[in-house]
Amino acid sequence: MDGFGPLVDAQWLKAHADAVVIADVRWYLDGRSGREAYDRGHIGGARFVDLDTDLSGPPTADGGRHPLPSPQDFAAAMARLGIGDDAAVVAYDDVGGVIASRLWWMLDCVGGDAAVLDGGLDAWPGALQTAAPSWQPEAFNPRPWPADRFATIDEVDAARTDPESVVIDARSVERYRGEPNAIDPRFGHIPGAVSMQVGDNLHDGRLLPATEMRDRYERAGAADRRVIAYCGSGVSACHDLLALRHAGLRDGRLFVGSWSAWGGDPDRPLATA
């Protein structure tokens, strides 16, 4: 379809709604229920995708709060949601794609067709619906997670001092600096990492134009070096990876365990300020 991916705008989605699977991927760090938000109103035809159960495995010390599910579990979740091997998926949330980009990244990694709705729910021009749509399960074959799209904790440790690499931190500047909070296991950031909080990828809820986004990442040294992105638990870092793709730069890798794994290991160094 012309104009598809990695971003689509609301007018494009309205015109192509019957040709794509619409995925509502709302989730809240403060504990609010994404499912309840979906039930109060969602884009017509959208299916609710649960970050904690559909896009993550059980939390572990090594994998962090939102480790990848096994390929088999991910395939089963997609099949149950009616997302088949050949489906084109448009994911949205209500925070500029910061959560929805996790589904985009996962599908893209295994060769799926996916995009994020630019501007999210706030950009949708039509009325919202409360009734959940019906659909039939589809075949989605398990595919291994490609190693070249993800970084292990030891690869991150090596990259942070490698002049040919840059590690970027998608969390808020306050968390990067090490200000106390109720989320992180320790306060600070991976030494050598560059702060690239995802909120700065957005203007009025939409991603910056590609040229401005490219300038932003070039200033961080991400244009000509290998990039690894992390956040608190491997979710919002996908928004930085979406931004790199939108800017036309080389794909980065995701450190899935992110700070929940690194910060949870007392033997790993940290930096503040």
Protein backbone atom coordinates (compact mmCIF):
# COMPACT_ATOMS: atom_id res chain seq x y z
CA MET A 1 0.00 0.00 0.00
CA ASP A 2 1.32 3.42 -0.91
CA GLY A 3 2.32 5.51 2.07
CA PHE A 4 2.51 2.62 4.53
CA GLY A 5 5.11 2.60 7.31
CA PRO A 6 6.90 3.21 9.52
CA LEU A 7 4.39 5.99 10.23
CA VAL A 8 0.92 6.62 8.87
CA ASP A 9 -1.27 9.59 9.58
CA ALA A 10 -4.90 9.50 10.63
CA GLN A 11 -6.26 10.32 7.18
CA TRP A 12 -4.29 7.46 5.67
CA LEU A 13 -5.59 5.07 8.31
CA LYS A 14 -9.17 6.23 7.83
CA ALA A 15 -8.88 5.56 4.10
CA HIS A 16 -7.25 2.12 4.54
CA ALA A 17 -8.91 0.89 7.74
CA ASP A 18 -10.44 -2.12 6.01
CA ALA A 19 -7.06 -3.25 4.65
CA VAL A 20 -5.09 -3.28 7.92
CA VAL A 21 -5.32 -4.63 11.44
CA ILE A 22 -5.56 -1.77 13.93
CA ALA A 23 -3.90 -2.45 17.26
CA ASP A 24 -4.56 -0.45 20.42
CA VAL A 25 -1.42 -0.76 22.55
CA ARG A 26 -2.19 1.56 25.43
CA TRP A 27 -0.29 0.91 28.67
CA TYR A 28 0.57 3.14 31.61
CA LEU A 29 3.65 3.17 33.79
CA ASP A 30 1.60 4.53 36.70
CA GLY A 31 -0.50 1.36 36.87
CA ARG A 32 -3.63 2.54 35.09
CA SER A 33 -5.27 -0.12 32.97
CA GLY A 34 -4.79 0.06 29.22
CA ARG A 35 -7.65 -2.35 28.79
CA GLU A 36 -10.02 -0.11 30.72
CA ALA A 37 -8.94 2.85 28.60
CA TYR A 38 -9.66 0.77 25.49
CA ASP A 39 -13.09 -0.19 26.80
CA ARG A 40 -13.96 3.48 27.37
CA GLY A 41 -13.25 4.27 23.74
CA HIS A 42 -11.04 3.12 20.88
CA ILE A 43 -10.70 3.50 17.13
CA GLY A 44 -13.34 1.43 15.37
CA GLY A 45 -12.11 -2.08 14.61
CA ALA A 46 -9.09 -1.83 16.88
CA ARG A 47 -8.01 -4.88 18.87
CA PHE A 48 -6.48 -4.41 22.30
CA VAL A 49 -2.91 -5.68 22.54
CA ASP A 50 -1.65 -6.18 26.09
CA LEU A 51 1.97 -5.13 26.55
CA ASP A 52 2.43 -7.29 29.64
CA THR A 53 1.02 -10.53 28.23
CA ASP A 54 1.07 -10.28 24.42
CA LEU A 55 4.36 -8.42 23.89
CA SER A 56 6.39 -9.58 26.89
CA GLY A 57 7.43 -12.70 28.72
CA PRO A 58 7.37 -13.05 32.52
CA PRO A 59 9.76 -10.62 34.26
CA THR A 60 13.17 -12.00 35.19
CA ALA A 61 16.32 -10.58 36.75
CA ASP A 62 18.27 -10.99 33.51
CA GLY A 63 15.48 -10.04 31.13
CA GLY A 64 14.04 -7.14 33.11
CA ARG A 65 10.42 -6.13 33.53
CA HIS A 66 9.38 -6.67 29.91
CA PRO A 67 11.56 -9.38 28.35
CA LEU A 68 10.71 -10.63 24.90
CA PRO A 69 8.24 -13.49 24.79
CA SER A 70 9.44 -16.65 23.14
CA PRO A 71 8.88 -16.71 19.37
CA GLN A 72 6.21 -19.35 19.96
CA ASP A 73 4.37 -17.26 22.56
CA PHE A 74 4.54 -14.14 20.39
CA ALA A 75 3.22 -16.06 17.40
CA ALA A 76 0.38 -17.48 19.51
CA ALA A 77 -0.57 -14.00 20.72
CA MET A 78 -0.58 -12.57 17.22
CA ALA A 79 -2.60 -15.52 15.89
CA ARG A 80 -5.16 -15.13 18.69
CA LEU A 81 -5.48 -11.44 17.88
CA GLY A 82 -6.17 -12.23 14.23
CA ILE A 83 -2.81 -10.93 13.04
CA GLY A 84 -1.62 -13.32 10.37
CA ASP A 85 1.71 -13.66 8.64
CA ASP A 86 0.60 -11.39 5.79
CA ALA A 87 -1.26 -8.79 7.85
CA ALA A 88 -0.42 -5.11 7.73
CA VAL A 89 -0.70 -3.71 11.26
CA VAL A 90 -1.13 -0.12 12.42
CA ALA A 91 -0.43 0.32 16.13
CA TYR A 92 -1.44 3.30 18.23
CA ASP A 93 -1.54 4.54 21.81
CA ASP A 94 -2.26 7.89 23.45
CA VAL A 95 1.33 8.98 24.09
CA GLY A 96 2.67 9.66 20.61
CA GLY A 97 3.56 6.06 19.82
CA VAL A 98 5.89 5.56 22.78
CA ILE A 99 4.19 2.27 23.72
CA ALA A 100 2.83 1.28 20.29
CA SER A 101 6.34 1.32 18.84
CA ARG A 102 7.10 -1.84 20.82
CA LEU A 103 4.63 -3.82 18.66
CA TRP A 104 5.96 -2.11 15.53
CA TRP A 105 9.54 -3.09 16.40
CA MET A 106 8.69 -6.70 17.24
CA LEU A 107 6.71 -7.25 14.04
CA ASP A 108 9.34 -5.48 11.94
CA CYS A 109 12.06 -7.67 13.43
CA VAL A 110 10.39 -10.85 12.24
CA GLY A 111 9.53 -9.54 8.79
CA GLY A 112 6.00 -8.32 9.47
CA ASP A 113 4.40 -5.24 7.95
CA ALA A 114 3.74 -2.68 10.65
CA ALA A 115 3.39 1.05 11.17
CA VAL A 116 2.62 3.44 14.01
CA LEU A 117 -0.23 5.95 13.85
CA ASP A 118 1.46 9.35 14.00
CA GLY A 119 -0.17 11.39 16.72
CA GLY A 120 -1.94 8.37 18.15
CA LEU A 121 -5.47 8.44 19.44
CA ASP A 122 -5.49 12.23 19.77
CA ALA A 123 -5.02 12.55 16.01
CA TRP A 124 -8.01 10.36 15.15
CA PRO A 125 -10.73 12.51 13.54
CA GLY A 126 -13.66 10.16 13.98
CA ALA A 127 -15.81 9.11 16.91
CA LEU A 128 -14.48 6.42 19.21
CA GLN A 129 -16.25 3.13 19.79
CA THR A 130 -16.75 1.14 22.97
CA ALA A 131 -17.77 -2.23 21.53
CA ALA A 132 -14.92 -4.63 20.83
CA PRO A 133 -14.83 -5.93 17.25
CA SER A 134 -15.00 -9.60 16.36
CA TRP A 135 -12.36 -11.44 14.37
CA GLN A 136 -11.10 -14.90 13.59
CA PRO A 137 -7.68 -16.25 14.62
CA GLU A 138 -5.09 -16.25 11.85
CA ALA A 139 -1.95 -18.27 11.18
CA PHE A 140 1.22 -16.57 12.42
CA ASN A 141 4.29 -18.76 12.18
CA PRO A 142 6.94 -18.48 14.90
CA ARG A 143 10.15 -16.85 13.70
CA PRO A 144 13.33 -16.52 15.76
CA TRP A 145 14.22 -13.12 17.16
CA PRO A 146 17.10 -11.92 14.94
CA ALA A 147 20.24 -11.43 16.99
CA ASP A 148 21.34 -8.44 14.91
CA ARG A 149 18.30 -6.41 16.04
CA PHE A 150 18.89 -6.86 19.76
CA ALA A 151 21.81 -6.36 22.16
CA THR A 152 22.73 -8.42 25.19
CA ILE A 153 23.81 -6.82 28.43
CA ASP A 154 27.44 -7.72 27.74
CA GLU A 155 27.23 -6.22 24.25
CA VAL A 156 25.92 -3.02 25.82
CA ASP A 157 28.80 -3.05 28.28
CA ALA A 158 31.27 -3.30 25.39
CA ALA A 159 29.46 -0.71 23.25
CA ARG A 160 29.46 2.02 25.92
CA THR A 161 33.24 2.44 25.56
CA ASP A 162 33.45 1.66 21.84
CA PRO A 163 34.11 4.81 19.75
CA GLU A 164 32.24 3.21 16.83
CA SER A 165 29.08 2.74 18.93
CA VAL A 166 26.68 4.91 20.90
CA VAL A 167 24.28 3.81 23.63
CA ILE A 168 21.19 6.01 23.96
CA ASP A 169 18.88 6.26 26.98
CA ALA A 170 15.22 6.87 26.13
CA ARG A 171 14.07 7.58 29.69
CA SER A 172 13.33 11.03 31.04
CA VAL A 173 16.24 13.33 31.73
CA GLU A 174 15.41 13.15 35.44
CA ARG A 175 15.76 9.38 35.54
CA TYR A 176 18.91 9.56 33.41
CA ARG A 177 20.44 12.01 35.90
CA GLY A 178 19.69 9.67 38.76
CA GLU A 179 16.96 11.56 40.54
CA PRO A 180 15.13 9.25 43.00
CA ASN A 181 11.94 7.72 41.65
CA ALA A 182 9.58 4.84 42.31
CA ILE A 183 10.44 2.94 39.12
CA ASP A 184 14.15 2.25 38.78
CA PRO A 185 16.01 -0.37 40.84
CA ARG A 186 18.96 2.04 41.16
CA PHE A 187 19.18 5.67 40.18
CA GLY A 188 21.35 6.74 37.27
CA HIS A 189 22.29 5.58 33.79
CA ILE A 190 24.71 3.30 31.98
CA PRO A 191 28.08 5.08 31.98
CA GLY A 192 28.78 6.57 28.57
CA ALA A 193 25.13 6.53 27.47
CA VAL A 194 23.62 9.61 25.83
CA SER A 195 20.27 10.95 27.00
CA MET A 196 17.70 10.84 24.19
CA GLN A 197 14.40 11.03 26.04
CA VAL A 198 11.57 10.00 23.77
CA GLY A 199 9.45 13.03 24.59
CA ASP A 200 11.86 15.13 22.57
CA ASN A 201 11.05 13.07 19.47
CA LEU A 202 7.59 14.64 19.52
CA HIS A 203 6.03 18.02 18.81
CA ASP A 204 2.34 18.40 19.62
CA GLY A 205 2.10 14.63 19.97
CA ARG A 206 3.53 13.82 16.53
CA LEU A 207 7.01 12.80 15.51
CA LEU A 208 9.28 15.58 14.36
CA PRO A 209 9.70 15.88 10.59
CA ALA A 210 12.31 13.49 9.24
CA THR A 211 14.90 16.20 8.60
CA GLU A 212 14.59 17.59 12.14
CA MET A 213 14.71 14.08 13.56
CA ARG A 214 17.86 13.34 11.60
CA ASP A 215 19.51 16.49 12.96
CA ARG A 216 18.55 15.48 16.51
CA TYR A 217 20.15 12.06 16.22
CA GLU A 218 23.17 13.33 14.33
CA ARG A 219 23.89 15.68 17.24
CA ALA A 220 23.86 12.63 19.53
CA GLY A 221 26.39 10.83 17.35
CA ALA A 222 23.84 8.32 16.10
CA ALA A 223 24.24 9.03 12.40
CA ASP A 224 27.59 7.37 11.81
CA ARG A 225 27.90 4.94 14.72
CA ARG A 226 26.21 1.70 15.71
CA VAL A 227 23.28 2.49 18.00
CA ILE A 228 21.92 0.55 20.96
CA ALA A 229 18.80 1.96 22.62
CA TYR A 230 17.55 1.27 26.12
CA CYS A 231 14.94 2.68 28.48
CA GLY A 232 13.41 1.37 31.69
CA SER A 233 12.28 -2.02 30.42
CA GLY A 234 12.71 -2.17 26.65
CA VAL A 235 9.46 -0.46 25.64
CA SER A 236 9.92 3.28 25.09
CA ALA A 237 13.40 2.66 23.62
CA CYS A 238 11.54 1.28 20.60
CA HIS A 239 10.34 4.84 20.00
CA ASP A 240 13.94 5.95 19.56
CA LEU A 241 14.40 3.09 17.11
CA LEU A 242 11.25 4.21 15.27
CA ALA A 243 12.67 7.73 15.18
CA LEU A 244 15.91 6.47 13.63
CA ARG A 245 13.95 4.67 10.90
CA HIS A 246 11.76 7.74 10.34
CA ALA A 247 14.89 9.87 9.99
CA GLY A 248 16.33 7.55 7.37
CA LEU A 249 19.27 6.53 9.56
CA ARG A 250 20.67 3.06 10.09
CA ASP A 251 18.58 0.80 12.34
CA GLY A 252 19.67 0.55 15.93
CA ARG A 253 19.49 -2.41 18.28
CA LEU A 254 17.28 -2.79 21.34
CA PHE A 255 18.63 -3.69 24.78
CA VAL A 256 15.49 -5.45 25.91
CA GLY A 257 16.33 -5.75 29.60
CA SER A 258 17.26 -2.05 29.65
CA TRP A 259 17.71 -0.33 33.00
CA SER A 260 15.50 -2.84 34.81
CA ALA A 261 18.17 -5.46 34.05
CA TRP A 262 21.30 -3.27 34.18
CA GLY A 263 20.24 -1.29 37.23
CA GLY A 264 19.03 -4.43 38.93
CA ASP A 265 22.53 -5.92 38.81
CA PRO A 266 24.60 -4.35 41.62
CA ASP A 267 27.82 -5.38 39.86
CA ARG A 268 27.09 -3.17 36.83
CA PRO A 269 28.43 0.39 37.03
CA LEU A 270 26.19 3.44 36.90
CA ALA A 271 26.65 7.14 36.36
CA THR A 272 24.65 10.19 37.44
CA ALA A 273 24.30 13.79 36.31
